[in-house]
Amino acid sequence: MRRSHWSSPEFQPSDLIPGLKSRAVSGSVVSTLAHAAEVLLNLAVIMILARLLAPPDFGLIAMAMMGFLRIFKVAGLSIATIQREAITHAQVSNLFWINVIFRLIGICF
């Protein structure tokens, strides 16, 4: 009988092996759709801001969006997760939701 991956407090990569191909395909589809949605939302935000702001103000907002706010979008959490030798399910879950929140903030700005 295969043990549940929630029974161990540590995240075990071997728990991910069954069904890896189907999860990889569905993950790449979801990732592609998420990126397309992000691009469309960014385009909509840019179009709205271009209509509402004067050209100098729009340029200032664009510089802020490209520089400062993109730092928070990545936040380096994925890199830190990969470098950890042992990680718990709670940490993986928390990092996932933190990344989701940063992505949503990045889309809005």
N, C-alpha and C. Protein backbone atom coordinates (compact mmCIF):
# COMPACT_ATOMS: atom_id res chain seq x y z
N MET A 1 0.84 -1.18 0.00
CA MET A 1 0.00 0.00 0.00
C MET A 1 0.88 1.24 0.00
N ARG A 2 0.59 2.14 -0.88
CA ARG A 2 1.38 3.37 -1.00
C ARG A 2 0.97 4.34 0.10
N ARG A 3 1.96 4.88 0.79
CA ARG A 3 1.65 5.80 1.87
C ARG A 3 1.30 7.17 1.31
N SER A 4 0.49 7.88 2.04
CA SER A 4 0.09 9.22 1.63
C SER A 4 1.27 10.18 1.78
N HIS A 5 1.43 11.11 0.85
CA HIS A 5 2.53 12.06 0.94
C HIS A 5 2.31 13.06 2.06
N TRP A 6 1.12 13.07 2.66
CA TRP A 6 0.86 13.97 3.78
C TRP A 6 1.23 13.34 5.12
N SER A 7 1.53 12.03 5.12
CA SER A 7 1.85 11.38 6.39
C SER A 7 3.24 11.77 6.88
N SER A 8 4.12 12.12 5.99
CA SER A 8 5.46 12.54 6.37
C SER A 8 5.52 14.06 6.39
N PRO A 9 6.15 14.64 7.43
CA PRO A 9 6.21 16.11 7.46
C PRO A 9 7.13 16.69 6.40
N GLU A 10 8.04 15.88 5.87
CA GLU A 10 8.98 16.37 4.86
C GLU A 10 8.46 16.07 3.47
N PHE A 11 8.74 16.96 2.58
CA PHE A 11 8.36 16.82 1.18
C PHE A 11 9.29 15.79 0.54
N GLN A 12 8.73 14.74 -0.05
CA GLN A 12 9.52 13.70 -0.68
C GLN A 12 9.34 13.76 -2.20
N PRO A 13 10.41 14.05 -2.95
CA PRO A 13 10.27 14.09 -4.41
C PRO A 13 9.83 12.77 -5.01
N SER A 14 10.12 11.65 -4.35
CA SER A 14 9.72 10.35 -4.87
C SER A 14 8.20 10.20 -4.90
N ASP A 15 7.48 11.00 -4.11
CA ASP A 15 6.02 10.97 -4.13
C ASP A 15 5.47 11.52 -5.44
N LEU A 16 6.27 12.25 -6.18
CA LEU A 16 5.82 12.89 -7.40
C LEU A 16 6.01 12.03 -8.65
N ILE A 17 6.73 10.93 -8.55
CA ILE A 17 7.08 10.12 -9.71
C ILE A 17 5.85 9.52 -10.42
N PRO A 18 4.89 8.89 -9.71
CA PRO A 18 3.73 8.33 -10.44
C PRO A 18 2.95 9.43 -11.15
N GLY A 19 2.67 9.22 -12.43
CA GLY A 19 1.90 10.19 -13.20
C GLY A 19 2.66 11.45 -13.54
N LEU A 20 3.98 11.38 -13.57
CA LEU A 20 4.79 12.57 -13.79
C LEU A 20 4.55 13.17 -15.17
N LYS A 21 4.42 12.34 -16.19
CA LYS A 21 4.24 12.85 -17.55
C LYS A 21 2.94 13.63 -17.68
N SER A 22 1.85 13.07 -17.18
CA SER A 22 0.57 13.76 -17.30
C SER A 22 0.56 15.05 -16.48
N ARG A 23 1.21 15.04 -15.32
CA ARG A 23 1.28 16.27 -14.53
C ARG A 23 2.17 17.31 -15.19
N ALA A 24 3.23 16.87 -15.86
CA ALA A 24 4.10 17.82 -16.56
C ALA A 24 3.36 18.47 -17.72
N VAL A 25 2.60 17.68 -18.46
CA VAL A 25 1.84 18.22 -19.59
C VAL A 25 0.78 19.19 -19.10
N SER A 26 0.00 18.78 -18.08
CA SER A 26 -1.04 19.68 -17.58
C SER A 26 -0.44 20.92 -16.93
N GLY A 27 0.71 20.78 -16.27
CA GLY A 27 1.37 21.93 -15.68
C GLY A 27 1.85 22.92 -16.72
N SER A 28 2.36 22.42 -17.84
CA SER A 28 2.82 23.33 -18.88
C SER A 28 1.65 24.01 -19.58
N VAL A 29 0.52 23.32 -19.70
CA VAL A 29 -0.68 23.95 -20.27
C VAL A 29 -1.17 25.07 -19.36
N VAL A 30 -1.24 24.78 -18.06
CA VAL A 30 -1.69 25.79 -17.10
C VAL A 30 -0.72 26.96 -17.07
N SER A 31 0.57 26.67 -17.13
CA SER A 31 1.58 27.74 -17.13
C SER A 31 1.46 28.61 -18.37
N THR A 32 1.22 28.00 -19.50
CA THR A 32 1.06 28.76 -20.75
C THR A 32 -0.19 29.63 -20.69
N LEU A 33 -1.29 29.08 -20.20
CA LEU A 33 -2.52 29.86 -20.08
C LEU A 33 -2.36 31.00 -19.08
N ALA A 34 -1.65 30.74 -17.98
CA ALA A 34 -1.43 31.80 -16.98
C ALA A 34 -0.58 32.91 -17.56
N HIS A 35 0.44 32.55 -18.34
CA HIS A 35 1.29 33.58 -18.95
C HIS A 35 0.49 34.39 -19.97
N ALA A 36 -0.34 33.71 -20.75
CA ALA A 36 -1.17 34.43 -21.74
C ALA A 36 -2.13 35.38 -21.03
N ALA A 37 -2.73 34.94 -19.92
CA ALA A 37 -3.63 35.81 -19.17
C ALA A 37 -2.87 37.00 -18.59
N GLU A 38 -1.65 36.77 -18.12
CA GLU A 38 -0.84 37.86 -17.59
C GLU A 38 -0.51 38.89 -18.66
N VAL A 39 -0.16 38.42 -19.83
CA VAL A 39 0.16 39.33 -20.94
C VAL A 39 -1.07 40.15 -21.33
N LEU A 40 -2.23 39.49 -21.41
CA LEU A 40 -3.45 40.22 -21.77
C LEU A 40 -3.85 41.23 -20.70
N LEU A 41 -3.72 40.86 -19.43
CA LEU A 41 -4.04 41.81 -18.37
C LEU A 41 -3.07 42.99 -18.35
N ASN A 42 -1.78 42.71 -18.57
CA ASN A 42 -0.80 43.79 -18.65
C ASN A 42 -1.11 44.72 -19.81
N LEU A 43 -1.48 44.17 -20.93
CA LEU A 43 -1.84 44.98 -22.09
C LEU A 43 -3.06 45.86 -21.79
N ALA A 44 -4.06 45.27 -21.13
CA ALA A 44 -5.25 46.04 -20.77
C ALA A 44 -4.90 47.18 -19.81
N VAL A 45 -4.06 46.90 -18.83
CA VAL A 45 -3.66 47.94 -17.87
C VAL A 45 -2.90 49.05 -18.59
N ILE A 46 -2.01 48.70 -19.49
CA ILE A 46 -1.24 49.70 -20.24
C ILE A 46 -2.16 50.55 -21.11
N MET A 47 -3.13 49.91 -21.76
CA MET A 47 -4.05 50.66 -22.61
C MET A 47 -4.90 51.63 -21.78
N ILE A 48 -5.36 51.18 -20.63
CA ILE A 48 -6.17 52.06 -19.77
C ILE A 48 -5.33 53.22 -19.24
N LEU A 49 -4.13 52.92 -18.77
CA LEU A 49 -3.27 53.98 -18.25
C LEU A 49 -2.87 54.97 -19.34
N ALA A 50 -2.65 54.48 -20.55
CA ALA A 50 -2.28 55.37 -21.65
C ALA A 50 -3.40 56.36 -21.97
N ARG A 51 -4.64 55.93 -21.80
CA ARG A 51 -5.77 56.82 -22.06
C ARG A 51 -6.00 57.81 -20.93
N LEU A 52 -5.70 57.38 -19.68
CA LEU A 52 -6.00 58.21 -18.52
C LEU A 52 -4.91 59.21 -18.16
N LEU A 53 -3.66 58.87 -18.43
CA LEU A 53 -2.54 59.69 -17.98
C LEU A 53 -1.96 60.52 -19.12
N ALA A 54 -1.36 61.62 -18.73
CA ALA A 54 -0.61 62.43 -19.70
C ALA A 54 0.67 61.68 -20.06
N PRO A 55 1.24 61.93 -21.25
CA PRO A 55 2.44 61.19 -21.66
C PRO A 55 3.60 61.20 -20.64
N PRO A 56 3.94 62.34 -20.02
CA PRO A 56 5.04 62.29 -19.04
C PRO A 56 4.70 61.42 -17.82
N ASP A 57 3.44 61.49 -17.38
CA ASP A 57 3.03 60.67 -16.25
C ASP A 57 3.03 59.19 -16.61
N PHE A 58 2.57 58.89 -17.81
CA PHE A 58 2.56 57.49 -18.27
C PHE A 58 3.98 56.95 -18.34
N GLY A 59 4.91 57.77 -18.82
CA GLY A 59 6.31 57.33 -18.88
C GLY A 59 6.89 57.05 -17.51
N LEU A 60 6.54 57.87 -16.54
CA LEU A 60 7.01 57.66 -15.17
C LEU A 60 6.45 56.37 -14.59
N ILE A 61 5.17 56.12 -14.80
CA ILE A 61 4.54 54.89 -14.32
C ILE A 61 5.16 53.68 -15.01
N ALA A 62 5.42 53.78 -16.30
CA ALA A 62 6.02 52.67 -17.04
C ALA A 62 7.41 52.34 -16.51
N MET A 63 8.19 53.37 -16.19
CA MET A 63 9.52 53.10 -15.63
C MET A 63 9.41 52.40 -14.28
N ALA A 64 8.46 52.83 -13.47
CA ALA A 64 8.27 52.20 -12.16
C ALA A 64 7.83 50.75 -12.32
N MET A 65 6.95 50.50 -13.28
CA MET A 65 6.47 49.13 -13.51
C MET A 65 7.60 48.23 -13.99
N MET A 66 8.44 48.73 -14.86
CA MET A 66 9.52 47.91 -15.41
C MET A 66 10.63 47.66 -14.41
N GLY A 67 10.90 48.59 -13.58
CA GLY A 67 12.03 48.46 -12.68
C GLY A 67 11.69 47.96 -11.30
N PHE A 68 11.22 48.85 -10.49
CA PHE A 68 11.04 48.59 -9.06
C PHE A 68 10.04 47.49 -8.76
N LEU A 69 8.89 47.51 -9.40
CA LEU A 69 7.84 46.55 -9.07
C LEU A 69 8.15 45.14 -9.56
N ARG A 70 8.96 44.99 -10.59
CA ARG A 70 9.31 43.65 -11.08
C ARG A 70 10.18 42.90 -10.08
N ILE A 71 10.89 43.61 -9.23
CA ILE A 71 11.71 42.96 -8.20
C ILE A 71 10.83 42.15 -7.27
N PHE A 72 9.68 42.70 -6.90
CA PHE A 72 8.79 42.01 -5.98
C PHE A 72 8.05 40.86 -6.64
N LYS A 73 7.95 40.88 -7.94
CA LYS A 73 7.26 39.82 -8.65
C LYS A 73 8.01 38.50 -8.52
N VAL A 74 9.31 38.54 -8.61
CA VAL A 74 10.12 37.33 -8.54
C VAL A 74 10.40 36.96 -7.09
N ALA A 75 10.90 37.88 -6.33
CA ALA A 75 11.16 37.76 -4.89
C ALA A 75 12.18 36.68 -4.52
N GLY A 76 12.65 35.88 -5.45
CA GLY A 76 13.69 34.90 -5.16
C GLY A 76 13.26 33.72 -4.31
N LEU A 77 11.98 33.55 -4.09
CA LEU A 77 11.53 32.46 -3.22
C LEU A 77 11.69 31.09 -3.87
N SER A 78 11.49 31.02 -5.17
CA SER A 78 11.65 29.73 -5.86
C SER A 78 13.09 29.25 -5.79
N ILE A 79 14.02 30.16 -5.95
CA ILE A 79 15.44 29.80 -5.88
C ILE A 79 15.79 29.32 -4.48
N ALA A 80 15.28 30.00 -3.47
CA ALA A 80 15.55 29.59 -2.10
C ALA A 80 14.94 28.21 -1.82
N THR A 81 13.80 27.93 -2.38
CA THR A 81 13.15 26.63 -2.18
C THR A 81 13.98 25.52 -2.80
N ILE A 82 14.50 25.74 -3.98
CA ILE A 82 15.30 24.73 -4.66
C ILE A 82 16.58 24.43 -3.89
N GLN A 83 17.15 25.43 -3.27
CA GLN A 83 18.42 25.26 -2.58
C GLN A 83 18.28 24.58 -1.22
N ARG A 84 17.07 24.50 -0.68
CA ARG A 84 16.87 23.85 0.62
C ARG A 84 17.06 22.35 0.48
N GLU A 85 17.74 21.75 1.44
CA GLU A 85 17.94 20.30 1.40
C GLU A 85 16.68 19.55 1.78
N ALA A 86 15.97 20.04 2.79
CA ALA A 86 14.71 19.42 3.23
C ALA A 86 13.67 20.52 3.37
N ILE A 87 12.47 20.22 2.90
CA ILE A 87 11.40 21.22 2.95
C ILE A 87 10.10 20.51 3.30
N THR A 88 9.30 21.11 4.12
CA THR A 88 8.04 20.50 4.55
C THR A 88 6.91 20.89 3.60
N HIS A 89 5.82 20.15 3.70
CA HIS A 89 4.65 20.47 2.88
C HIS A 89 4.10 21.84 3.24
N ALA A 90 4.14 22.18 4.51
CA ALA A 90 3.64 23.50 4.93
C ALA A 90 4.47 24.61 4.28
N GLN A 91 5.79 24.43 4.21
CA GLN A 91 6.64 25.44 3.58
C GLN A 91 6.36 25.54 2.09
N VAL A 92 6.18 24.40 1.43
CA VAL A 92 5.87 24.41 0.00
C VAL A 92 4.54 25.12 -0.25
N SER A 93 3.55 24.82 0.57
CA SER A 93 2.24 25.46 0.43
C SER A 93 2.33 26.97 0.67
N ASN A 94 3.03 27.36 1.73
CA ASN A 94 3.18 28.80 2.02
C ASN A 94 3.91 29.52 0.91
N LEU A 95 4.98 28.94 0.38
CA LEU A 95 5.73 29.57 -0.70
C LEU A 95 4.89 29.68 -1.97
N PHE A 96 4.07 28.67 -2.22
CA PHE A 96 3.18 28.73 -3.38
C PHE A 96 2.25 29.93 -3.28
N TRP A 97 1.59 30.09 -2.13
CA TRP A 97 0.62 31.18 -1.98
C TRP A 97 1.30 32.54 -1.95
N ILE A 98 2.49 32.62 -1.39
CA ILE A 98 3.24 33.89 -1.42
C ILE A 98 3.56 34.26 -2.86
N ASN A 99 4.00 33.26 -3.65
CA ASN A 99 4.29 33.52 -5.07
C ASN A 99 3.03 33.93 -5.83
N VAL A 100 1.90 33.31 -5.53
CA VAL A 100 0.64 33.68 -6.18
C VAL A 100 0.29 35.13 -5.86
N ILE A 101 0.43 35.52 -4.60
CA ILE A 101 0.13 36.90 -4.21
C ILE A 101 1.05 37.88 -4.90
N PHE A 102 2.37 37.57 -4.93
CA PHE A 102 3.31 38.46 -5.62
C PHE A 102 2.98 38.56 -7.10
N ARG A 103 2.57 37.45 -7.73
CA ARG A 103 2.22 37.48 -9.15
C ARG A 103 0.99 38.35 -9.39
N LEU A 104 0.00 38.22 -8.51
CA LEU A 104 -1.20 39.04 -8.67
C LEU A 104 -0.89 40.52 -8.50
N ILE A 105 -0.04 40.84 -7.53
CA ILE A 105 0.37 42.24 -7.35
C ILE A 105 1.15 42.71 -8.59
N GLY A 106 2.01 41.83 -9.13
CA GLY A 106 2.77 42.18 -10.32
C GLY A 106 1.90 42.40 -11.54
N ILE A 107 0.82 41.64 -11.65
CA ILE A 107 -0.09 41.81 -12.77
C ILE A 107 -0.81 43.15 -12.67
N CYS A 108 -1.21 43.51 -11.45
CA CYS A 108 -1.96 44.75 -11.25
C CYS A 108 -1.11 45.99 -11.46
N PHE A 109 0.18 45.86 -11.27
CA PHE A 109 1.04 47.04 -11.40
C PHE A 109 1.98 46.83 -12.54
